[in-house]
């Protein structure tokens, strides 16, 4: 029996269809670290942007156009559904497709009376290349994971994806259930939930932005002494940065490794000399003009709010005696990156 619940105001209590792509590392917009920070309530995402608001606004229009094109009868069921075996896995389905008008969405035993699901999406014109031929299952991988997630929760075999591309091109794709891939999705989700969220252990950072998010706050005055291996990594970084056509991915990979090594330390030293600093600048201030205008327009400083800035990662110029005698060119810099 499916469990109906309203999770819209407590996203941290469950994993949803939009989370699984990030957990698996296939999302361009979110990472597993972003999901972990949200679910452990270390960061509150407002989930408010023009794109999100437009997507929500356009959902009804896309569903109506889908019904017009296909002749299908749709039902909107705002409450989320919970996976029968994983209580932390939840799906909010855009629309349910029924066999005919007048049927109840649920059987008397609580099972779904729908024949398939509908997911409504919007995408800009520049992402058109991410979508294949209409009628196929060639959709962006994060959306494919999301669709398989919903099929696993509802135990249905098919979901249509109606996407409005560039505001003028409506396409329909069909995803069928893949039990093997579905099983993998929920196994990965269960591991992430039990080993990372419940145990409050972050996943391994996958980018510089993950490191910035995980180690947002430094321990004031904390200094870490670099090992010879760490110093060699800094040398490689400085050599790469000096190259005109250096690979940004290689540079970012080294910076990420150094950030993970430093964690909450503000300074990395070698032989007592600072080689890297990673500190947050002093807070800047903004005026809460709305409150100030309503309460005390003559006051300013009493209503200033501090804005916490990101820590600045600065690699110092190494002394001549610590630099390599020959430039490091063409070397596989990621060998031995783990610190």
Protein backbone atom coordinates (compact mmCIF):
# COMPACT_ATOMS: atom_id res chain seq x y z
CA UNK A 1 0.00 0.00 0.00
CA UNK A 2 1.34 3.39 -0.97
CA UNK A 3 1.71 5.99 1.74
CA UNK A 4 0.54 9.54 0.95
CA UNK A 5 2.38 12.32 2.76
CA UNK A 6 3.10 16.00 2.27
CA UNK A 7 6.88 16.43 2.39
CA UNK A 8 7.03 19.76 0.59
CA UNK A 9 7.94 21.68 3.75
CA UNK A 10 10.50 19.21 5.14
CA UNK A 11 12.78 18.18 2.30
CA UNK A 12 15.52 17.24 4.74
CA UNK A 13 13.48 14.28 6.02
CA UNK A 14 13.66 12.23 2.81
CA UNK A 15 15.34 11.67 -0.54
CA UNK A 16 13.36 12.71 -3.61
CA UNK A 17 13.51 12.15 -7.33
CA UNK A 18 15.53 15.31 -7.91
CA UNK A 19 18.18 14.11 -5.43
CA UNK A 20 19.13 10.76 -6.95
CA UNK A 21 20.93 12.20 -10.00
CA UNK A 22 23.08 14.36 -7.72
CA UNK A 23 23.86 11.41 -5.44
CA UNK A 24 24.99 9.38 -8.44
CA UNK A 25 27.14 12.26 -9.72
CA UNK A 26 25.31 12.75 -13.03
CA UNK A 27 23.78 16.18 -12.33
CA UNK A 28 25.38 19.33 -13.73
CA UNK A 29 23.71 21.52 -11.12
CA UNK A 30 23.96 19.64 -7.81
CA UNK A 31 26.40 17.22 -6.21
CA UNK A 32 26.13 14.52 -3.57
CA UNK A 33 27.70 17.04 -1.19
CA UNK A 34 24.87 19.50 -1.89
CA UNK A 35 22.32 16.80 -1.05
CA UNK A 36 24.18 15.83 2.13
CA UNK A 37 24.38 19.43 3.34
CA UNK A 38 20.63 19.83 2.77
CA UNK A 39 19.57 16.56 4.40
CA UNK A 40 21.76 17.12 7.46
CA UNK A 41 20.37 20.66 7.72
CA UNK A 42 23.81 22.22 7.45
CA UNK A 43 22.56 24.34 4.59
CA UNK A 44 19.03 25.49 3.88
CA UNK A 45 18.35 25.82 0.15
CA UNK A 46 15.57 28.26 -0.63
CA UNK A 47 14.83 26.49 -3.93
CA UNK A 48 13.79 29.80 -5.41
CA UNK A 49 14.93 31.01 -8.81
CA UNK A 50 13.30 32.26 -11.99
CA UNK A 51 13.87 28.91 -13.70
CA UNK A 52 12.26 27.00 -10.83
CA UNK A 53 9.32 29.38 -10.63
CA UNK A 54 8.78 29.19 -14.37
CA UNK A 55 8.95 25.40 -14.29
CA UNK A 56 6.32 25.28 -11.56
CA UNK A 57 4.15 27.78 -13.41
CA UNK A 58 4.46 25.92 -16.71
CA UNK A 59 3.65 22.48 -15.28
CA UNK A 60 -0.12 22.84 -15.67
CA UNK A 61 0.22 24.20 -19.22
CA UNK A 62 2.51 21.33 -20.27
CA UNK A 63 0.17 18.76 -18.71
CA UNK A 64 -2.83 20.29 -20.52
CA UNK A 65 -0.96 20.26 -23.84
CA UNK A 66 0.07 16.65 -23.29
CA UNK A 67 -3.56 15.70 -22.65
CA UNK A 68 -4.62 17.58 -25.78
CA UNK A 69 -2.02 15.84 -27.95
CA UNK A 70 -2.49 12.32 -26.58
CA UNK A 71 -6.12 12.27 -25.49
CA UNK A 72 -5.04 10.86 -22.13
CA UNK A 73 -6.95 11.58 -18.94
CA UNK A 74 -4.74 13.08 -16.23
CA UNK A 75 -5.11 13.32 -12.47
CA UNK A 76 -3.15 15.69 -10.21
CA UNK A 77 -2.34 14.21 -6.79
CA UNK A 78 -0.33 16.77 -4.79
CA UNK A 79 0.69 14.45 -1.94
CA UNK A 80 3.98 12.60 -2.26
CA UNK A 81 4.21 8.82 -2.32
CA UNK A 82 6.64 6.75 -0.24
CA UNK A 83 8.54 3.69 -1.44
CA UNK A 84 7.08 0.54 0.15
CA UNK A 85 10.53 -0.71 1.25
CA UNK A 86 12.48 2.52 1.79
CA UNK A 87 10.62 4.96 4.03
CA UNK A 88 13.09 7.76 3.24
CA UNK A 89 12.55 7.49 -0.55
CA UNK A 90 9.73 9.73 -1.71
CA UNK A 91 8.30 10.78 -5.06
CA UNK A 92 6.16 13.76 -5.97
CA UNK A 93 4.50 12.83 -9.26
CA UNK A 94 3.44 15.65 -11.61
CA UNK A 95 0.48 13.77 -13.06
CA UNK A 96 -1.05 10.29 -13.17
CA UNK A 97 -2.48 8.89 -16.41
CA UNK A 98 -5.70 6.91 -15.96
CA UNK A 99 -7.36 4.48 -18.35
CA UNK A 100 -10.50 6.60 -18.53
CA UNK A 101 -12.23 9.52 -16.90
CA UNK A 102 -14.05 8.88 -13.65
CA UNK A 103 -11.75 6.20 -12.28
CA UNK A 104 -10.40 6.56 -8.76
CA UNK A 105 -6.63 7.00 -8.55
CA UNK A 106 -6.28 4.32 -5.88
CA UNK A 107 -7.65 0.79 -5.56
CA UNK A 108 -9.39 -0.22 -2.37
CA UNK A 109 -6.18 -1.91 -1.21
CA UNK A 110 -4.22 1.32 -1.66
CA UNK A 111 -2.54 0.37 -4.94
CA UNK A 112 -2.46 2.78 -7.86
CA UNK A 113 -5.15 2.59 -10.52
CA UNK A 114 -3.03 4.58 -13.00
CA UNK A 115 -1.65 3.05 -16.19
CA UNK A 116 1.43 5.30 -16.28
CA UNK A 117 2.95 8.54 -15.00
CA UNK A 118 3.65 11.94 -16.52
CA UNK A 119 6.64 14.14 -15.70
CA UNK A 120 6.57 17.74 -16.96
CA UNK A 121 9.83 19.57 -17.74
CA UNK A 122 11.00 22.87 -19.18
CA UNK A 123 14.36 23.44 -20.86
CA UNK A 124 15.97 26.35 -22.66
CA UNK A 125 16.80 26.27 -26.34
CA UNK A 126 20.52 25.83 -25.70
CA UNK A 127 19.94 22.45 -24.01
CA UNK A 128 18.08 21.05 -27.01
CA UNK A 129 21.08 18.86 -27.85
CA UNK A 130 20.62 16.99 -24.55
CA UNK A 131 17.32 15.59 -25.79
CA UNK A 132 17.08 12.88 -28.45
CA UNK A 133 14.33 11.92 -30.86
CA UNK A 134 10.79 12.39 -29.46
CA UNK A 135 9.13 9.10 -28.59
CA UNK A 136 12.39 7.52 -27.42
CA UNK A 137 13.94 7.36 -23.94
CA UNK A 138 16.82 9.67 -24.95
CA UNK A 139 16.50 12.25 -22.18
CA UNK A 140 19.18 13.81 -19.91
CA UNK A 141 20.57 11.26 -17.46
CA UNK A 142 19.45 13.07 -14.26
CA UNK A 143 15.86 13.05 -15.57
CA UNK A 144 16.15 9.39 -16.53
CA UNK A 145 17.20 8.55 -12.97
CA UNK A 146 14.31 10.61 -11.65
CA UNK A 147 11.82 8.76 -13.86
CA UNK A 148 13.13 5.33 -12.80
CA UNK A 149 12.89 6.52 -9.20
CA UNK A 150 9.19 7.32 -9.63
CA UNK A 151 8.47 4.00 -11.37
CA UNK A 152 10.12 2.15 -8.49
CA UNK A 153 8.03 3.99 -5.93
CA UNK A 154 4.71 3.54 -7.77
CA UNK A 155 5.42 0.04 -9.12
CA UNK A 156 4.25 1.13 -12.57
CA UNK A 157 5.99 0.17 -15.81
CA UNK A 158 5.94 3.38 -17.85
CA UNK A 159 6.33 7.14 -17.54
CA UNK A 160 6.01 9.82 -20.20
CA UNK A 161 8.16 12.94 -20.07
CA UNK A 162 6.67 16.04 -21.71
CA UNK A 163 9.28 18.76 -22.12
CA UNK A 164 8.79 22.32 -23.36
CA UNK A 165 11.99 23.32 -25.15
CA UNK A 166 12.67 27.01 -25.65
CA UNK A 167 9.07 27.89 -24.85
CA UNK A 168 7.80 26.72 -28.24
CA UNK A 169 8.74 23.07 -28.85
CA UNK A 170 6.77 20.46 -26.88
CA UNK A 171 8.19 16.94 -27.06
CA UNK A 172 7.09 13.67 -25.48
CA UNK A 173 9.45 10.87 -24.45
CA UNK A 174 8.63 7.47 -22.97
CA UNK A 175 10.65 5.70 -20.27
CA UNK A 176 9.99 2.05 -19.43
CA UNK A 177 10.88 0.38 -16.18
CA UNK A 178 14.35 -1.16 -15.86
CA UNK A 179 14.37 -3.34 -12.74
CA UNK A 180 18.15 -3.86 -12.71
CA UNK A 181 18.96 -0.16 -12.94
CA UNK A 182 16.13 0.68 -10.56
CA UNK A 183 17.55 -1.70 -7.96
CA UNK A 184 20.95 -0.03 -8.29
CA UNK A 185 19.41 3.43 -7.80
CA UNK A 186 17.72 2.52 -4.54
CA UNK A 187 20.76 0.62 -3.26
CA UNK A 188 22.89 3.72 -3.83
CA UNK A 189 20.22 5.89 -2.21
CA UNK A 190 20.01 3.57 0.83
CA UNK A 191 23.80 3.59 1.25
CA UNK A 192 23.91 7.39 0.99
CA UNK A 193 21.11 7.77 3.54
CA UNK A 194 22.40 5.28 6.12
CA UNK A 195 26.15 5.86 5.77
CA UNK A 196 26.24 9.59 5.14
CA UNK A 197 23.01 11.30 6.24
CA UNK A 198 22.16 9.24 9.32
CA UNK A 199 25.78 8.94 10.44
CA UNK A 200 26.45 12.61 9.60
CA UNK A 201 29.51 11.70 7.54
CA UNK A 202 30.02 13.76 4.37
CA UNK A 203 30.59 12.05 1.02
CA UNK A 204 33.96 12.55 -0.62
CA UNK A 205 34.17 15.99 -2.28
CA UNK A 206 34.04 15.82 -6.06
CA UNK A 207 34.99 19.41 -6.89
CA UNK A 208 36.44 22.63 -5.54
CA UNK A 209 32.91 23.91 -4.87
CA UNK A 210 32.27 20.80 -2.74
CA UNK A 211 35.37 21.61 -0.69
CA UNK A 212 34.28 25.23 -0.32
CA UNK A 213 30.88 24.06 0.91
CA UNK A 214 32.17 21.35 3.26
CA UNK A 215 34.95 23.45 4.80
CA UNK A 216 33.10 26.77 4.69
CA UNK A 217 34.19 27.76 8.16
CA UNK A 218 37.82 27.67 9.26
CA UNK A 219 39.17 27.16 12.77
CA UNK A 220 40.55 30.59 13.55
CA UNK A 221 44.32 30.59 13.67
CA UNK A 222 44.68 26.87 12.90
CA UNK A 223 47.91 26.09 11.05
CA UNK A 224 48.86 22.80 9.40
CA UNK A 225 52.40 21.75 8.51
CA UNK A 226 52.81 20.37 5.00
CA UNK A 227 54.53 17.07 4.34
CA UNK A 228 57.08 16.68 1.55
CA UNK A 229 54.36 14.99 -0.53
CA UNK A 230 52.08 17.97 -0.06
CA UNK A 231 54.88 20.35 -1.00
CA UNK A 232 55.51 18.37 -4.18
CA UNK A 233 51.84 18.72 -5.05
CA UNK A 234 52.09 22.50 -4.59
CA UNK A 235 55.11 22.53 -6.88
CA UNK A 236 53.12 20.73 -9.55
CA UNK A 237 50.31 23.22 -9.14
CA UNK A 238 52.61 26.23 -9.52
CA UNK A 239 54.26 24.66 -12.57
CA UNK A 240 50.90 23.99 -14.21
CA UNK A 241 49.67 27.50 -13.51
CA UNK A 242 52.79 28.85 -15.23
CA UNK A 243 51.97 26.97 -18.42
CA UNK A 244 50.05 28.87 -21.08
CA UNK A 245 47.84 25.95 -22.07
CA UNK A 246 47.53 24.14 -18.77
CA UNK A 247 44.53 21.90 -18.29
CA UNK A 248 42.08 23.56 -15.91
CA UNK A 249 40.85 20.13 -14.78
CA UNK A 250 44.35 19.18 -13.64
CA UNK A 251 44.77 22.45 -11.77
CA UNK A 252 41.37 22.09 -10.12
CA UNK A 253 42.10 18.48 -9.14
CA UNK A 254 45.28 19.52 -7.31
CA UNK A 255 43.55 22.44 -5.60
CA UNK A 256 40.76 20.10 -4.50
CA UNK A 257 43.26 17.64 -3.02
CA UNK A 258 45.01 20.44 -1.14
CA UNK A 259 41.69 21.77 0.17
CA UNK A 260 40.69 18.33 1.42
CA UNK A 261 44.08 18.05 3.15
CA UNK A 262 43.73 21.43 4.85
CA UNK A 263 40.06 20.95 5.85
CA UNK A 264 39.37 23.68 8.43
CA UNK A 265 42.98 24.87 8.74
CA UNK A 266 43.55 28.48 7.72
CA UNK A 267 47.26 28.18 6.96
CA UNK A 268 49.47 25.47 5.49
CA UNK A 269 53.15 25.87 6.28
CA UNK A 270 56.37 24.14 5.28
CA UNK A 271 59.38 24.49 7.56
CA UNK A 272 57.35 27.08 9.41
CA UNK A 273 56.75 29.27 6.35
CA UNK A 274 53.19 29.79 5.00
CA UNK A 275 52.71 28.16 1.59
CA UNK A 276 48.91 28.30 1.40
CA UNK A 277 46.32 30.43 3.17
CA UNK A 278 42.61 29.64 3.09
CA UNK A 279 40.80 32.29 5.08
CA UNK A 280 37.47 34.05 4.92
CA UNK A 281 37.75 37.80 4.47
CA UNK A 282 36.20 40.07 7.05
CA UNK A 283 32.40 40.12 6.84
CA UNK A 284 30.90 42.78 4.62
CA UNK A 285 27.65 44.47 5.54
CA UNK A 286 24.44 45.30 3.77
CA UNK A 287 21.62 47.54 4.86
CA UNK A 288 18.27 45.90 5.61
CA UNK A 289 16.52 48.78 3.88
CA UNK A 290 13.01 47.36 4.25
CA UNK A 291 13.20 47.04 8.01
CA UNK A 292 15.14 50.27 8.37
CA UNK A 293 12.55 52.22 6.41
CA UNK A 294 9.65 50.77 8.41
CA UNK A 295 11.10 51.15 11.89
CA UNK A 296 13.89 53.72 12.17
CA UNK A 297 14.82 55.44 8.91
CA UNK A 298 17.25 57.69 10.77
CA UNK A 299 19.39 54.74 11.91
CA UNK A 300 21.85 52.79 9.78
CA UNK A 301 24.52 50.91 11.68
CA UNK A 302 22.12 49.25 14.12
CA UNK A 303 20.48 47.47 11.22
CA UNK A 304 23.50 46.27 9.31
CA UNK A 305 23.64 42.50 8.65
CA UNK A 306 27.00 40.72 8.31
CA UNK A 307 27.48 38.76 5.08
CA UNK A 308 29.76 35.73 5.48
CA UNK A 309 32.10 35.53 2.50
CA UNK A 310 33.72 32.40 1.07
CA UNK A 311 37.22 31.53 2.23
CA UNK A 312 39.97 32.60 -0.21
CA UNK A 313 42.37 29.84 -1.25
CA UNK A 314 45.77 31.47 -1.93
CA UNK A 315 48.87 29.48 -2.92
CA UNK A 316 51.99 31.48 -2.01
CA UNK A 317 55.05 31.85 -4.21
CA UNK A 318 57.53 29.25 -3.02
CA UNK A 319 61.05 30.31 -2.04
CA UNK A 320 63.66 29.57 -4.71
CA UNK A 321 65.16 26.71 -2.72
CA UNK A 322 61.82 24.89 -2.63
CA UNK A 323 61.09 25.14 -6.36
CA UNK A 324 61.97 22.27 -8.72
CA UNK A 325 65.09 22.71 -10.82
CA UNK A 326 63.27 21.67 -13.99
CA UNK A 327 59.72 22.59 -15.04
CA UNK A 328 57.12 19.88 -14.59
CA UNK A 329 55.71 19.41 -18.08
CA UNK A 330 53.59 16.61 -19.49
CA UNK A 331 53.49 14.81 -16.14
CA UNK A 332 50.40 12.96 -15.00
CA UNK A 333 49.78 15.31 -12.12
CA UNK A 334 47.03 13.26 -10.52
CA UNK A 335 49.41 10.39 -9.72
CA UNK A 336 49.90 10.48 -6.00
CA UNK A 337 47.36 13.26 -5.40
CA UNK A 338 45.79 11.54 -2.39
CA UNK A 339 47.24 13.04 0.75
